Amino acid sequence: MKYMQRHKRLVTHNDPLEDPIAGVANLFDASIVFIVSMMIALFMAYNMMDLLDPNSEVTITKKTADGKIEMVTKKGKQIKVTKVTDKTLEGSGQRLGTAYQLDDGKIVYVPEK
């Protein structure tokens, strides 16, 4: 019968229970750091770090997947995207010069005067 008696359990744990949702806040912080680092890595991979500099002037010409050409121009903090079309221009004006494409792909503009 001595084994049938109930014994009081010794409570040695006086620590409060851990909040199960506390780890979610740490995961959110880690994901934000990961997203920002991926953005910086993409800028470095495409050599576009000048877009992050507030005092730089950058012009980038890119061709989209459907064959359209876009020009991205940044002056200071202002970024402007211009789409190039193949429509003919109408109106009056004067000829300013001629553009030539060299064998290595560079384009040179030569003024008339």
N, C-alpha and C. Protein backbone atom coordinates (compact mmCIF):
# COMPACT_ATOMS: atom_id res chain seq x y z
N MET A 1 0.80 -1.19 0.00
CA MET A 1 0.00 0.00 0.00
C MET A 1 0.85 1.26 0.00
N LYS A 2 2.01 1.07 0.38
CA LYS A 2 2.84 2.26 0.47
C LYS A 2 3.10 2.84 -0.92
N TYR A 3 3.06 2.02 -1.96
CA TYR A 3 3.26 2.52 -3.31
C TYR A 3 2.01 3.16 -3.89
N MET A 4 0.89 2.95 -3.30
CA MET A 4 -0.37 3.48 -3.78
C MET A 4 -0.64 4.89 -3.27
N GLN A 5 0.11 5.34 -2.34
CA GLN A 5 -0.13 6.67 -1.80
C GLN A 5 0.30 7.72 -2.82
N ARG A 6 -0.44 8.77 -2.79
CA ARG A 6 -0.13 9.88 -3.70
C ARG A 6 0.97 10.75 -3.11
N HIS A 7 1.87 11.09 -3.99
CA HIS A 7 2.95 11.97 -3.56
C HIS A 7 2.76 13.32 -4.23
N LYS A 8 3.11 14.33 -3.53
CA LYS A 8 3.08 15.67 -4.10
C LYS A 8 4.26 15.83 -5.04
N ARG A 9 3.98 16.39 -6.20
CA ARG A 9 5.06 16.65 -7.15
C ARG A 9 5.82 17.90 -6.74
N LEU A 10 7.07 17.84 -6.89
CA LEU A 10 7.89 19.01 -6.59
C LEU A 10 7.86 19.94 -7.78
N VAL A 11 7.42 21.14 -7.57
CA VAL A 11 7.37 22.13 -8.65
C VAL A 11 8.66 22.92 -8.62
N THR A 12 9.49 22.66 -9.60
CA THR A 12 10.77 23.38 -9.67
C THR A 12 10.73 24.46 -10.74
N HIS A 13 9.69 24.47 -11.55
CA HIS A 13 9.58 25.44 -12.65
C HIS A 13 8.71 26.60 -12.21
N ASN A 14 9.33 27.72 -11.98
CA ASN A 14 8.57 28.93 -11.68
C ASN A 14 8.65 29.92 -12.83
N ASP A 15 9.18 29.46 -13.97
CA ASP A 15 9.31 30.33 -15.14
C ASP A 15 7.94 30.51 -15.78
N PRO A 16 7.66 31.73 -16.28
CA PRO A 16 6.38 31.91 -16.99
C PRO A 16 6.42 31.17 -18.32
N LEU A 17 5.26 30.81 -18.80
CA LEU A 17 5.19 30.11 -20.07
C LEU A 17 5.59 31.05 -21.20
N GLU A 18 6.25 30.50 -22.21
CA GLU A 18 6.71 31.30 -23.34
C GLU A 18 5.54 31.58 -24.27
N ASP A 19 5.50 32.81 -24.77
CA ASP A 19 4.43 33.20 -25.69
C ASP A 19 4.68 32.53 -27.05
N PRO A 20 3.75 31.75 -27.57
CA PRO A 20 4.00 31.04 -28.82
C PRO A 20 4.06 31.94 -30.04
N ILE A 21 3.51 33.14 -29.98
CA ILE A 21 3.49 34.03 -31.14
C ILE A 21 4.69 34.97 -31.15
N ALA A 22 5.53 34.91 -30.13
CA ALA A 22 6.68 35.82 -30.06
C ALA A 22 7.67 35.58 -31.18
N GLY A 23 7.78 34.36 -31.67
CA GLY A 23 8.70 34.05 -32.75
C GLY A 23 8.28 34.63 -34.08
N VAL A 24 7.00 34.90 -34.26
CA VAL A 24 6.50 35.45 -35.53
C VAL A 24 7.05 36.85 -35.76
N ALA A 25 7.19 37.64 -34.72
CA ALA A 25 7.75 38.99 -34.87
C ALA A 25 9.19 38.91 -35.35
N ASN A 26 9.94 37.97 -34.84
CA ASN A 26 11.32 37.81 -35.29
C ASN A 26 11.37 37.36 -36.74
N LEU A 27 10.47 36.50 -37.17
CA LEU A 27 10.42 36.07 -38.56
C LEU A 27 10.08 37.23 -39.49
N PHE A 28 9.19 38.11 -39.05
CA PHE A 28 8.83 39.28 -39.86
C PHE A 28 10.04 40.19 -40.03
N ASP A 29 10.77 40.44 -38.95
CA ASP A 29 11.96 41.28 -39.03
C ASP A 29 13.01 40.66 -39.96
N ALA A 30 13.19 39.37 -39.85
CA ALA A 30 14.17 38.70 -40.70
C ALA A 30 13.76 38.75 -42.16
N SER A 31 12.47 38.64 -42.44
CA SER A 31 12.02 38.69 -43.84
C SER A 31 12.21 40.09 -44.43
N ILE A 32 12.00 41.13 -43.65
CA ILE A 32 12.22 42.50 -44.14
C ILE A 32 13.70 42.70 -44.48
N VAL A 33 14.58 42.23 -43.63
CA VAL A 33 16.02 42.35 -43.89
C VAL A 33 16.39 41.57 -45.15
N PHE A 34 15.80 40.39 -45.33
CA PHE A 34 16.07 39.58 -46.51
C PHE A 34 15.59 40.28 -47.78
N ILE A 35 14.41 40.89 -47.75
CA ILE A 35 13.86 41.58 -48.93
C ILE A 35 14.74 42.76 -49.31
N VAL A 36 15.16 43.56 -48.36
CA VAL A 36 16.00 44.72 -48.64
C VAL A 36 17.35 44.27 -49.20
N SER A 37 17.92 43.21 -48.65
CA SER A 37 19.20 42.74 -49.17
C SER A 37 19.06 42.20 -50.59
N MET A 38 17.94 41.57 -50.91
CA MET A 38 17.72 41.08 -52.28
C MET A 38 17.57 42.25 -53.26
N MET A 39 16.90 43.32 -52.84
CA MET A 39 16.77 44.50 -53.70
C MET A 39 18.14 45.11 -53.99
N ILE A 40 18.97 45.23 -52.99
CA ILE A 40 20.31 45.80 -53.18
C ILE A 40 21.15 44.88 -54.08
N ALA A 41 21.01 43.57 -53.90
CA ALA A 41 21.75 42.63 -54.74
C ALA A 41 21.31 42.74 -56.20
N LEU A 42 20.01 42.92 -56.44
CA LEU A 42 19.53 43.08 -57.82
C LEU A 42 20.05 44.37 -58.44
N PHE A 43 20.05 45.45 -57.67
CA PHE A 43 20.60 46.71 -58.19
C PHE A 43 22.07 46.55 -58.55
N MET A 44 22.82 45.84 -57.71
CA MET A 44 24.24 45.65 -58.00
C MET A 44 24.44 44.71 -59.19
N ALA A 45 23.58 43.72 -59.35
CA ALA A 45 23.71 42.78 -60.46
C ALA A 45 23.44 43.45 -61.80
N TYR A 46 22.52 44.38 -61.84
CA TYR A 46 22.19 45.07 -63.08
C TYR A 46 22.94 46.39 -63.23
N ASN A 47 23.95 46.64 -62.39
CA ASN A 47 24.77 47.86 -62.43
C ASN A 47 23.91 49.12 -62.41
N MET A 48 22.94 49.15 -61.52
CA MET A 48 22.04 50.29 -61.42
C MET A 48 22.17 50.99 -60.07
N MET A 49 23.33 50.93 -59.45
CA MET A 49 23.52 51.57 -58.14
C MET A 49 23.41 53.08 -58.24
N ASP A 50 23.59 53.65 -59.46
CA ASP A 50 23.45 55.09 -59.63
C ASP A 50 22.01 55.54 -59.41
N LEU A 51 21.04 54.65 -59.56
CA LEU A 51 19.65 55.02 -59.32
C LEU A 51 19.39 55.33 -57.85
N LEU A 52 20.22 54.78 -56.95
CA LEU A 52 20.04 55.03 -55.53
C LEU A 52 20.73 56.32 -55.07
N ASP A 53 21.66 56.85 -55.87
CA ASP A 53 22.38 58.07 -55.52
C ASP A 53 21.49 59.28 -55.83
N PRO A 54 21.17 60.14 -54.85
CA PRO A 54 20.25 61.26 -55.10
C PRO A 54 20.85 62.37 -55.97
N ASN A 55 22.17 62.41 -56.17
CA ASN A 55 22.78 63.49 -56.93
C ASN A 55 23.18 63.09 -58.34
N SER A 56 22.88 61.88 -58.76
CA SER A 56 23.34 61.41 -60.06
C SER A 56 22.29 61.64 -61.14
N GLU A 57 22.76 61.69 -62.39
CA GLU A 57 21.89 61.78 -63.55
C GLU A 57 22.16 60.56 -64.41
N VAL A 58 21.14 59.74 -64.64
CA VAL A 58 21.30 58.47 -65.32
C VAL A 58 20.26 58.34 -66.42
N THR A 59 20.66 57.80 -67.57
CA THR A 59 19.72 57.47 -68.64
C THR A 59 19.98 56.01 -69.04
N ILE A 60 18.91 55.21 -68.96
CA ILE A 60 19.00 53.79 -69.29
C ILE A 60 18.01 53.50 -70.41
N THR A 61 18.47 52.84 -71.46
CA THR A 61 17.60 52.42 -72.55
C THR A 61 17.45 50.91 -72.47
N LYS A 62 16.19 50.45 -72.44
CA LYS A 62 15.99 49.01 -72.34
C LYS A 62 14.91 48.57 -73.32
N LYS A 63 14.99 47.32 -73.72
CA LYS A 63 14.03 46.74 -74.64
C LYS A 63 13.20 45.73 -73.86
N THR A 64 11.87 45.87 -73.90
CA THR A 64 11.00 44.97 -73.16
C THR A 64 10.86 43.65 -73.89
N ALA A 65 10.18 42.72 -73.26
CA ALA A 65 10.02 41.38 -73.83
C ALA A 65 9.20 41.39 -75.11
N ASP A 66 8.27 42.34 -75.24
CA ASP A 66 7.45 42.39 -76.44
C ASP A 66 8.07 43.26 -77.54
N GLY A 67 9.31 43.71 -77.38
CA GLY A 67 10.03 44.43 -78.43
C GLY A 67 9.94 45.94 -78.36
N LYS A 68 9.24 46.49 -77.38
CA LYS A 68 9.14 47.95 -77.25
C LYS A 68 10.35 48.48 -76.51
N ILE A 69 10.75 49.71 -76.85
CA ILE A 69 11.92 50.33 -76.24
C ILE A 69 11.46 51.40 -75.25
N GLU A 70 12.09 51.40 -74.06
CA GLU A 70 11.79 52.39 -73.03
C GLU A 70 13.09 53.06 -72.61
N MET A 71 12.99 54.36 -72.32
CA MET A 71 14.13 55.11 -71.79
C MET A 71 13.79 55.54 -70.37
N VAL A 72 14.65 55.18 -69.43
CA VAL A 72 14.48 55.57 -68.03
C VAL A 72 15.50 56.65 -67.75
N THR A 73 15.03 57.86 -67.41
CA THR A 73 15.90 59.00 -67.15
C THR A 73 15.72 59.43 -65.70
N LYS A 74 16.84 59.60 -64.98
CA LYS A 74 16.79 60.03 -63.59
C LYS A 74 17.64 61.28 -63.44
N LYS A 75 17.02 62.33 -62.96
CA LYS A 75 17.72 63.57 -62.64
C LYS A 75 17.41 63.91 -61.19
N GLY A 76 18.42 63.83 -60.34
CA GLY A 76 18.19 64.07 -58.92
C GLY A 76 17.32 62.98 -58.33
N LYS A 77 16.17 63.37 -57.78
CA LYS A 77 15.25 62.40 -57.20
C LYS A 77 14.09 62.08 -58.13
N GLN A 78 14.04 62.70 -59.29
CA GLN A 78 12.94 62.51 -60.23
C GLN A 78 13.30 61.44 -61.26
N ILE A 79 12.44 60.44 -61.42
CA ILE A 79 12.64 59.37 -62.40
C ILE A 79 11.52 59.46 -63.43
N LYS A 80 11.90 59.47 -64.71
CA LYS A 80 10.93 59.61 -65.79
C LYS A 80 11.12 58.45 -66.77
N VAL A 81 10.02 57.78 -67.15
CA VAL A 81 10.06 56.67 -68.10
C VAL A 81 9.38 57.14 -69.38
N THR A 82 10.12 57.03 -70.50
CA THR A 82 9.60 57.44 -71.80
C THR A 82 9.56 56.23 -72.71
N LYS A 83 8.42 56.00 -73.36
CA LYS A 83 8.29 54.89 -74.29
C LYS A 83 8.54 55.39 -75.70
N VAL A 84 9.40 54.70 -76.43
CA VAL A 84 9.75 55.07 -77.80
C VAL A 84 8.79 54.33 -78.74
N THR A 85 8.20 55.09 -79.68
CA THR A 85 7.26 54.48 -80.62
C THR A 85 7.80 54.61 -82.04
N ASP A 86 7.19 53.89 -82.95
CA ASP A 86 7.60 53.94 -84.35
C ASP A 86 6.65 54.80 -85.18
N LYS A 87 5.85 55.63 -84.54
CA LYS A 87 4.94 56.51 -85.26
C LYS A 87 5.72 57.64 -85.93
N THR A 88 5.25 58.06 -87.10
CA THR A 88 5.91 59.16 -87.79
C THR A 88 5.46 60.49 -87.18
N LEU A 89 6.37 61.45 -87.21
CA LEU A 89 6.09 62.76 -86.65
C LEU A 89 5.54 63.68 -87.74
N GLU A 90 4.67 64.56 -87.34
CA GLU A 90 4.13 65.55 -88.26
C GLU A 90 4.40 66.93 -87.70
N GLY A 91 4.56 67.89 -88.59
CA GLY A 91 4.78 69.27 -88.16
C GLY A 91 5.96 69.87 -88.89
N SER A 92 6.29 71.08 -88.49
CA SER A 92 7.40 71.76 -89.14
C SER A 92 8.58 71.85 -88.18
N GLY A 93 9.76 71.98 -88.74
CA GLY A 93 10.97 72.08 -87.94
C GLY A 93 12.18 72.13 -88.85
N GLN A 94 13.34 72.10 -88.27
CA GLN A 94 14.55 72.12 -89.07
C GLN A 94 15.45 70.96 -88.68
N ARG A 95 16.24 70.51 -89.60
CA ARG A 95 17.15 69.40 -89.37
C ARG A 95 18.33 69.89 -88.54
N LEU A 96 18.64 69.15 -87.49
CA LEU A 96 19.72 69.55 -86.59
C LEU A 96 21.02 68.81 -86.85
N GLY A 97 20.93 67.61 -87.36
CA GLY A 97 22.15 66.84 -87.58
C GLY A 97 21.82 65.43 -88.02
N THR A 98 22.84 64.59 -87.99
CA THR A 98 22.69 63.22 -88.45
C THR A 98 23.28 62.29 -87.40
N ALA A 99 22.65 61.14 -87.22
CA ALA A 99 23.16 60.13 -86.30
C ALA A 99 23.68 58.95 -87.11
N TYR A 100 24.86 58.46 -86.74
CA TYR A 100 25.48 57.32 -87.41
C TYR A 100 25.71 56.22 -86.39
N GLN A 101 25.51 54.96 -86.83
CA GLN A 101 25.82 53.83 -85.97
C GLN A 101 27.13 53.20 -86.46
N LEU A 102 28.09 53.10 -85.55
CA LEU A 102 29.39 52.54 -85.88
C LEU A 102 29.33 51.01 -85.88
N ASP A 103 30.39 50.37 -86.35
CA ASP A 103 30.43 48.91 -86.44
C ASP A 103 30.36 48.24 -85.07
N ASP A 104 30.87 48.91 -84.03
CA ASP A 104 30.84 48.32 -82.70
C ASP A 104 29.52 48.57 -81.97
N GLY A 105 28.54 49.22 -82.62
CA GLY A 105 27.23 49.42 -82.04
C GLY A 105 27.01 50.79 -81.44
N LYS A 106 28.04 51.61 -81.31
CA LYS A 106 27.88 52.95 -80.74
C LYS A 106 27.19 53.86 -81.74
N ILE A 107 26.41 54.79 -81.23
CA ILE A 107 25.72 55.76 -82.08
C ILE A 107 26.35 57.13 -81.85
N VAL A 108 26.71 57.80 -82.95
CA VAL A 108 27.37 59.09 -82.89
C VAL A 108 26.47 60.12 -83.54
N TYR A 109 26.26 61.25 -82.88
CA TYR A 109 25.45 62.33 -83.42
C TYR A 109 26.39 63.42 -83.95
N VAL A 110 26.16 63.83 -85.20
CA VAL A 110 26.98 64.87 -85.82
C VAL A 110 26.07 66.06 -86.15
N PRO A 111 26.28 67.23 -85.52
CA PRO A 111 25.44 68.40 -85.81
C PRO A 111 25.70 68.91 -87.24
N GLU A 112 24.70 69.61 -87.78
CA GLU A 112 24.78 70.13 -89.15
C GLU A 112 25.87 71.19 -89.28
N LYS A 113 25.95 72.11 -88.33
CA LYS A 113 26.88 73.23 -88.47
C LYS A 113 28.22 72.94 -87.89
